[in-house]
Amino acid sequence: MLAAIITVRGRVQGVGFRWWATGEARYLGLSGYAENQADGSVEIRAQGEDEAVGRMIRLAVEEPSTTARPGRVEDFDVKWVDVIDGARAFGYR
């Protein structure tokens, strides 16, 4: 099991990006959240099976999007973090 925080920058707020990320993460069986940040970026915390976390990272940062992802990602960072035991849901804040 892996956990990552993906921070995406570009045109990612006010376009449905968090809604899209939540749907993809739930489909992949991940727990975590998608949250707008004060600097205009979106932070995604994704936790789950290794392959699913890797897929979420690829989908969140690919440009152009192959999944009709809203917005445009111009830059991103991925930070590996500790797994939170018992985390079960994915939502947006």
N, C-alpha and C. Protein backbone atom coordinates (compact mmCIF):
# COMPACT_ATOMS: atom_id res chain seq x y z
N MET A 1 0.84 -1.18 0.00
CA MET A 1 0.00 0.00 0.00
C MET A 1 0.88 1.24 0.00
N LEU A 2 0.47 2.25 -0.78
CA LEU A 2 1.21 3.50 -0.91
C LEU A 2 0.30 4.68 -0.59
N ALA A 3 0.92 5.80 -0.26
CA ALA A 3 0.20 7.06 -0.09
C ALA A 3 1.06 8.18 -0.68
N ALA A 4 0.41 9.07 -1.41
CA ALA A 4 1.12 10.18 -2.05
C ALA A 4 0.27 11.44 -1.96
N ILE A 5 0.95 12.57 -1.89
CA ILE A 5 0.29 13.86 -2.05
C ILE A 5 0.74 14.41 -3.39
N ILE A 6 -0.23 14.64 -4.26
CA ILE A 6 0.01 15.16 -5.60
C ILE A 6 -0.47 16.62 -5.60
N THR A 7 0.42 17.54 -5.88
CA THR A 7 0.04 18.94 -5.97
C THR A 7 0.13 19.35 -7.43
N VAL A 8 -1.00 19.79 -7.98
CA VAL A 8 -1.04 20.21 -9.38
C VAL A 8 -1.28 21.71 -9.46
N ARG A 9 -0.60 22.33 -10.42
CA ARG A 9 -0.73 23.76 -10.63
C ARG A 9 -1.07 24.02 -12.10
N GLY A 10 -1.74 25.11 -12.32
CA GLY A 10 -2.18 25.49 -13.66
C GLY A 10 -3.60 26.00 -13.56
N ARG A 11 -4.43 25.67 -14.54
CA ARG A 11 -5.85 26.05 -14.49
C ARG A 11 -6.61 24.87 -13.89
N VAL A 12 -6.57 24.77 -12.55
CA VAL A 12 -7.12 23.61 -11.86
C VAL A 12 -8.19 23.95 -10.82
N GLN A 13 -8.41 25.22 -10.57
CA GLN A 13 -9.49 25.61 -9.64
C GLN A 13 -10.63 26.24 -10.42
N GLY A 14 -11.85 25.94 -9.99
CA GLY A 14 -13.03 26.51 -10.62
C GLY A 14 -13.41 25.87 -11.94
N VAL A 15 -12.85 24.69 -12.22
CA VAL A 15 -13.12 24.01 -13.49
C VAL A 15 -13.64 22.58 -13.31
N GLY A 16 -13.83 22.15 -12.07
CA GLY A 16 -14.30 20.80 -11.80
C GLY A 16 -13.20 19.78 -11.56
N PHE A 17 -11.98 20.25 -11.37
CA PHE A 17 -10.85 19.34 -11.19
C PHE A 17 -11.00 18.46 -9.95
N ARG A 18 -11.41 19.06 -8.82
CA ARG A 18 -11.58 18.27 -7.59
C ARG A 18 -12.69 17.23 -7.76
N TRP A 19 -13.77 17.61 -8.40
CA TRP A 19 -14.87 16.68 -8.66
C TRP A 19 -14.37 15.51 -9.50
N TRP A 20 -13.63 15.82 -10.56
CA TRP A 20 -13.07 14.79 -11.43
C TRP A 20 -12.13 13.87 -10.63
N ALA A 21 -11.21 14.46 -9.85
CA ALA A 21 -10.25 13.68 -9.07
C ALA A 21 -10.96 12.75 -8.09
N THR A 22 -12.03 13.23 -7.48
CA THR A 22 -12.79 12.41 -6.54
C THR A 22 -13.40 11.20 -7.25
N GLY A 23 -13.98 11.43 -8.40
CA GLY A 23 -14.58 10.32 -9.16
C GLY A 23 -13.54 9.29 -9.59
N GLU A 24 -12.41 9.74 -10.09
CA GLU A 24 -11.35 8.82 -10.51
C GLU A 24 -10.80 8.03 -9.32
N ALA A 25 -10.56 8.73 -8.22
CA ALA A 25 -10.00 8.07 -7.03
C ALA A 25 -10.97 7.02 -6.48
N ARG A 26 -12.24 7.35 -6.44
CA ARG A 26 -13.23 6.37 -5.96
C ARG A 26 -13.28 5.17 -6.88
N TYR A 27 -13.23 5.40 -8.19
CA TYR A 27 -13.22 4.30 -9.16
C TYR A 27 -12.01 3.39 -8.94
N LEU A 28 -10.87 3.99 -8.61
CA LEU A 28 -9.64 3.23 -8.38
C LEU A 28 -9.57 2.61 -6.99
N GLY A 29 -10.56 2.89 -6.14
CA GLY A 29 -10.59 2.33 -4.79
C GLY A 29 -9.65 3.01 -3.82
N LEU A 30 -9.35 4.27 -4.05
CA LEU A 30 -8.42 5.00 -3.20
C LEU A 30 -9.14 5.71 -2.07
N SER A 31 -8.41 6.01 -1.01
CA SER A 31 -8.90 6.89 0.05
C SER A 31 -8.08 8.16 -0.01
N GLY A 32 -8.63 9.22 0.60
CA GLY A 32 -7.92 10.50 0.63
C GLY A 32 -8.84 11.66 0.34
N TYR A 33 -8.30 12.69 -0.33
CA TYR A 33 -9.08 13.89 -0.59
C TYR A 33 -8.47 14.68 -1.75
N ALA A 34 -9.25 15.60 -2.28
CA ALA A 34 -8.79 16.62 -3.22
C ALA A 34 -9.20 17.96 -2.63
N GLU A 35 -8.26 18.88 -2.53
CA GLU A 35 -8.52 20.15 -1.84
C GLU A 35 -7.87 21.32 -2.57
N ASN A 36 -8.64 22.40 -2.77
CA ASN A 36 -8.07 23.63 -3.30
C ASN A 36 -7.12 24.23 -2.28
N GLN A 37 -6.02 24.80 -2.77
CA GLN A 37 -5.05 25.48 -1.92
C GLN A 37 -5.11 26.98 -2.18
N ALA A 38 -4.68 27.76 -1.21
CA ALA A 38 -4.73 29.22 -1.30
C ALA A 38 -3.91 29.77 -2.47
N ASP A 39 -2.88 29.05 -2.89
CA ASP A 39 -2.02 29.53 -3.98
C ASP A 39 -2.57 29.21 -5.37
N GLY A 40 -3.78 28.62 -5.45
CA GLY A 40 -4.39 28.29 -6.74
C GLY A 40 -4.14 26.87 -7.20
N SER A 41 -3.37 26.11 -6.45
CA SER A 41 -3.12 24.71 -6.79
C SER A 41 -4.21 23.83 -6.19
N VAL A 42 -4.19 22.56 -6.57
CA VAL A 42 -5.05 21.55 -5.96
C VAL A 42 -4.15 20.46 -5.40
N GLU A 43 -4.44 20.07 -4.15
CA GLU A 43 -3.70 19.00 -3.49
C GLU A 43 -4.58 17.76 -3.47
N ILE A 44 -4.02 16.64 -3.92
CA ILE A 44 -4.71 15.35 -3.90
C ILE A 44 -3.91 14.42 -3.00
N ARG A 45 -4.57 13.90 -1.97
CA ARG A 45 -3.94 12.86 -1.15
C ARG A 45 -4.56 11.54 -1.55
N ALA A 46 -3.77 10.65 -2.12
CA ALA A 46 -4.25 9.38 -2.64
C ALA A 46 -3.56 8.23 -1.92
N GLN A 47 -4.35 7.33 -1.39
CA GLN A 47 -3.81 6.19 -0.66
C GLN A 47 -4.52 4.92 -1.10
N GLY A 48 -3.75 3.87 -1.33
CA GLY A 48 -4.35 2.59 -1.72
C GLY A 48 -3.31 1.67 -2.31
N GLU A 49 -3.80 0.73 -3.10
CA GLU A 49 -2.91 -0.24 -3.75
C GLU A 49 -1.91 0.49 -4.65
N ASP A 50 -0.69 -0.04 -4.70
CA ASP A 50 0.40 0.61 -5.43
C ASP A 50 0.00 1.00 -6.85
N GLU A 51 -0.57 0.07 -7.59
CA GLU A 51 -0.93 0.30 -8.99
C GLU A 51 -1.98 1.41 -9.11
N ALA A 52 -2.95 1.43 -8.20
CA ALA A 52 -4.01 2.44 -8.25
C ALA A 52 -3.46 3.84 -7.94
N VAL A 53 -2.55 3.94 -6.98
CA VAL A 53 -1.95 5.24 -6.66
C VAL A 53 -1.14 5.72 -7.86
N GLY A 54 -0.37 4.84 -8.46
CA GLY A 54 0.40 5.21 -9.65
C GLY A 54 -0.48 5.68 -10.78
N ARG A 55 -1.59 4.99 -10.98
CA ARG A 55 -2.52 5.40 -12.05
C ARG A 55 -3.12 6.77 -11.74
N MET A 56 -3.47 7.02 -10.49
CA MET A 56 -4.03 8.32 -10.12
C MET A 56 -3.04 9.44 -10.40
N ILE A 57 -1.78 9.19 -10.08
CA ILE A 57 -0.75 10.20 -10.35
C ILE A 57 -0.68 10.47 -11.85
N ARG A 58 -0.61 9.41 -12.65
CA ARG A 58 -0.52 9.59 -14.10
C ARG A 58 -1.72 10.36 -14.65
N LEU A 59 -2.92 9.98 -14.21
CA LEU A 59 -4.12 10.65 -14.71
C LEU A 59 -4.19 12.12 -14.29
N ALA A 60 -3.75 12.40 -13.07
CA ALA A 60 -3.83 13.77 -12.55
C ALA A 60 -2.88 14.72 -13.25
N VAL A 61 -1.74 14.22 -13.72
CA VAL A 61 -0.71 15.13 -14.26
C VAL A 61 -0.54 15.06 -15.77
N GLU A 62 -1.13 14.06 -16.43
CA GLU A 62 -0.92 13.96 -17.88
C GLU A 62 -1.52 15.17 -18.60
N GLU A 63 -0.82 15.60 -19.61
CA GLU A 63 -1.28 16.74 -20.39
C GLU A 63 -0.84 16.51 -21.83
N PRO A 64 -1.78 16.38 -22.75
CA PRO A 64 -3.22 16.52 -22.55
C PRO A 64 -3.82 15.29 -21.87
N SER A 65 -4.98 15.49 -21.28
CA SER A 65 -5.67 14.44 -20.56
C SER A 65 -6.27 13.42 -21.52
N THR A 66 -6.20 12.15 -21.13
CA THR A 66 -6.85 11.09 -21.91
C THR A 66 -8.20 10.72 -21.32
N THR A 67 -8.60 11.39 -20.23
CA THR A 67 -9.85 11.05 -19.54
C THR A 67 -10.81 12.23 -19.47
N ALA A 68 -10.67 13.20 -20.34
CA ALA A 68 -11.52 14.40 -20.33
C ALA A 68 -11.44 15.12 -18.98
N ARG A 69 -10.26 15.08 -18.38
CA ARG A 69 -10.05 15.78 -17.11
C ARG A 69 -10.20 17.29 -17.35
N PRO A 70 -10.97 17.96 -16.50
CA PRO A 70 -11.11 19.40 -16.68
C PRO A 70 -9.84 20.16 -16.31
N GLY A 71 -9.71 21.35 -16.85
CA GLY A 71 -8.57 22.20 -16.52
C GLY A 71 -7.34 21.88 -17.34
N ARG A 72 -6.23 22.46 -16.89
CA ARG A 72 -4.94 22.26 -17.56
C ARG A 72 -3.85 22.25 -16.50
N VAL A 73 -3.07 21.19 -16.48
CA VAL A 73 -1.98 21.07 -15.51
C VAL A 73 -0.70 21.56 -16.17
N GLU A 74 -0.07 22.54 -15.52
CA GLU A 74 1.17 23.10 -16.05
C GLU A 74 2.40 22.64 -15.27
N ASP A 75 2.19 22.23 -14.01
CA ASP A 75 3.30 21.81 -13.16
C ASP A 75 2.73 20.93 -12.06
N PHE A 76 3.56 20.09 -11.49
CA PHE A 76 3.10 19.22 -10.40
C PHE A 76 4.27 18.76 -9.55
N ASP A 77 3.94 18.33 -8.33
CA ASP A 77 4.89 17.69 -7.42
C ASP A 77 4.21 16.46 -6.85
N VAL A 78 5.01 15.44 -6.57
CA VAL A 78 4.52 14.24 -5.89
C VAL A 78 5.39 14.02 -4.67
N LYS A 79 4.73 13.87 -3.53
CA LYS A 79 5.43 13.62 -2.27
C LYS A 79 4.89 12.33 -1.68
N TRP A 80 5.76 11.38 -1.40
CA TRP A 80 5.34 10.13 -0.78
C TRP A 80 5.20 10.35 0.72
N VAL A 81 4.09 9.91 1.27
CA VAL A 81 3.78 10.13 2.68
C VAL A 81 3.41 8.81 3.34
N ASP A 82 3.31 8.84 4.67
CA ASP A 82 2.95 7.64 5.42
C ASP A 82 1.50 7.26 5.17
N VAL A 83 1.26 5.97 5.12
CA VAL A 83 -0.10 5.43 4.99
C VAL A 83 -0.83 5.66 6.30
N ILE A 84 -2.09 6.06 6.20
CA ILE A 84 -2.94 6.22 7.38
C ILE A 84 -3.78 4.96 7.52
N ASP A 85 -3.54 4.20 8.58
CA ASP A 85 -4.29 2.97 8.80
C ASP A 85 -5.78 3.27 8.96
N GLY A 86 -6.61 2.45 8.34
CA GLY A 86 -8.05 2.57 8.50
C GLY A 86 -8.72 3.58 7.60
N ALA A 87 -7.97 4.32 6.78
CA ALA A 87 -8.59 5.29 5.87
C ALA A 87 -9.39 4.53 4.82
N ARG A 88 -10.63 4.94 4.60
CA ARG A 88 -11.51 4.19 3.72
C ARG A 88 -12.19 5.00 2.62
N ALA A 89 -12.31 6.30 2.77
CA ALA A 89 -13.11 7.09 1.83
C ALA A 89 -12.26 8.12 1.09
N PHE A 90 -12.81 8.60 -0.02
CA PHE A 90 -12.19 9.69 -0.75
C PHE A 90 -13.23 10.77 -0.94
N GLY A 91 -12.85 12.02 -0.69
CA GLY A 91 -13.78 13.14 -0.85
C GLY A 91 -13.05 14.38 -1.27
N TYR A 92 -13.79 15.45 -1.40
CA TYR A 92 -13.14 16.73 -1.71
C TYR A 92 -13.53 17.75 -0.66
N ARG A 93 -12.64 18.69 -0.47
CA ARG A 93 -12.81 19.72 0.56
C ARG A 93 -12.93 21.06 -0.10
